[in-house]
Amino acid sequence: MSLAQRWGEIRSGFERPFWVANFTEIFERVAYYGMSAVLAIYLSERLHFSTELTGSLLGITGFVVYALPILCGTLADRFGFRRSLMFAYLVLTIGYFLLGSLETSWMRPLRTALGDKWLVLAVLLIPALGPGLVKPCVAGTTARASAENVRSVGYSIYYTLVNIGGALGPSMAWLVRKRLGLGIENVFRASACCAFAMFLVTLFFYQEPGRLGDQRVESIGTALKNMFVVLKNLRFVIFLLISSGFYIVFWQIWITMPLFMRTYVDPNADTDRILSVEGITVICFQIFVTYASRKMDAVKAIALGFLISALSWILLALHPTMFTLGVMLVVLALGEITQASRYYEYCSRLAPTGQQGLYMGYAFLPIAIGYAVAGPLGGYLLHEFGEVLRRPNDLWWVIVAIGVVTAALMWLYDKIVKPGAARGPSSEGVAESAA
């Protein structure tokens, strides 16, 4: 097939809902990662929460964000993608707006009645509900609104746009907070504006895509029962638990790193701005790294990616500066790219025939578990090594150790469990930053 013919297929292979849904996903990610880039700083420096409490709150909300897609996909199928997306963007709008209003006078009675900790937790859980609905709706739209011969291209476009949003989000936070001088609270309000704009785009431009002929909508009860189906596959469960270690390491760039840099390196460090380096690296190198590692066994590539990301933290342990942080984020992203596409490929190969969709939903579980552990652990380590032992740099050696042990366990998994048929050359997929 000539290039012109392939381009013609791509131009005609996507229905309007595909482009609308993926356009909204860019701005949903801008809003989410803009908020995430400054949230730890806001809780610590503006609300004066301890590092342990800050970490715990971030861990809880991060777990909710990445655990909900497992069940929300069923809700989206039952109620329709259009209504689900509009509801999700309204929830995100309200949640981000309330987050940016915590210090206003009209919120003072609630702060007095509930206490800052419980009010902040309640407010954080509101926008945490949104991504759990958005992600399965956009992914599902990509499946329904793409012709069979260009569906793989559709998912590549989806993943690329997700990463673009993830890269732009921290830059948006820096622009609002520092460049325009509007303050951290207005970063949350800017996120609310992004979400509300996408509600309007969905309302006026999104049309419900047709359902695939063989697609069956499951009940919520069936979705809950499916959890036990997955848990019976011991090989898959062990793989997911080991993979959770990678995300314990990865999520520290959003949880502990900003607090560490602003407390022990530079109180004016623009950690929100530099976080864009990670997403930009994924966008620039994902195709090259995926192609270069295509002949490696899937589990070996995953273990290598875990190891590369783990070793990147040595830079902060030895010499923490904004420059070394930038280099560290590049190396971390290269490790993420090395494992990401192979991770999803391997999950699909472990799935029994007819259960690929179910297993791919649970592929997000390590991301959620990793966040749940990374938050409290990061807060504890920063307190213990920083405030108690006065050796803050040493906390990163613990993170390095967790990552190296995770890589070693994945290597042992490959040797002992002997995945066999699950190995194989990679499909030419595109890695998605944990977005």
Foldseek 3Di string as FASTA:
>chain_A
DDPVVVVVCVVPFFDQQLVLLLVLLLLLLLLVLLLLQCVQVCCCPVVVDALLLSLQLQLVLQLLLLLLLLLLLLVCVVPDLLVLLLVLLVLLLQLLLVQLCCPPPVNVVVCVVPNPSVVNSVSSNRNSNRNSNSVSSNLVSLVQRGHPVCSQVSVQSSQLSNLNSNLNNLVLNCCCCPVVVPHNSVSSNVSSVSSVVSSVSSVPRHDGGDDDPPDDRDDSVVSVVVVVVQVVLVLLVLVLVLLLLLLLLVCCLSRQVVVCCCPPPNVPDSSSNLLSLLSVLQSVCLLVLLVVCQFPWLLLLLLQLLLQLLVLLVLLLPDDDSVSVSVSSNSNSSSQSSNFQSLLLLQQQPDDPPCSVSSSSCSSNSNSSSSNVNSSLSSVLCCCCCVPVVSNSCSSVVSSVSSNVSSVVSVVSCVPVVPDVSIDGGDSHGGHDND
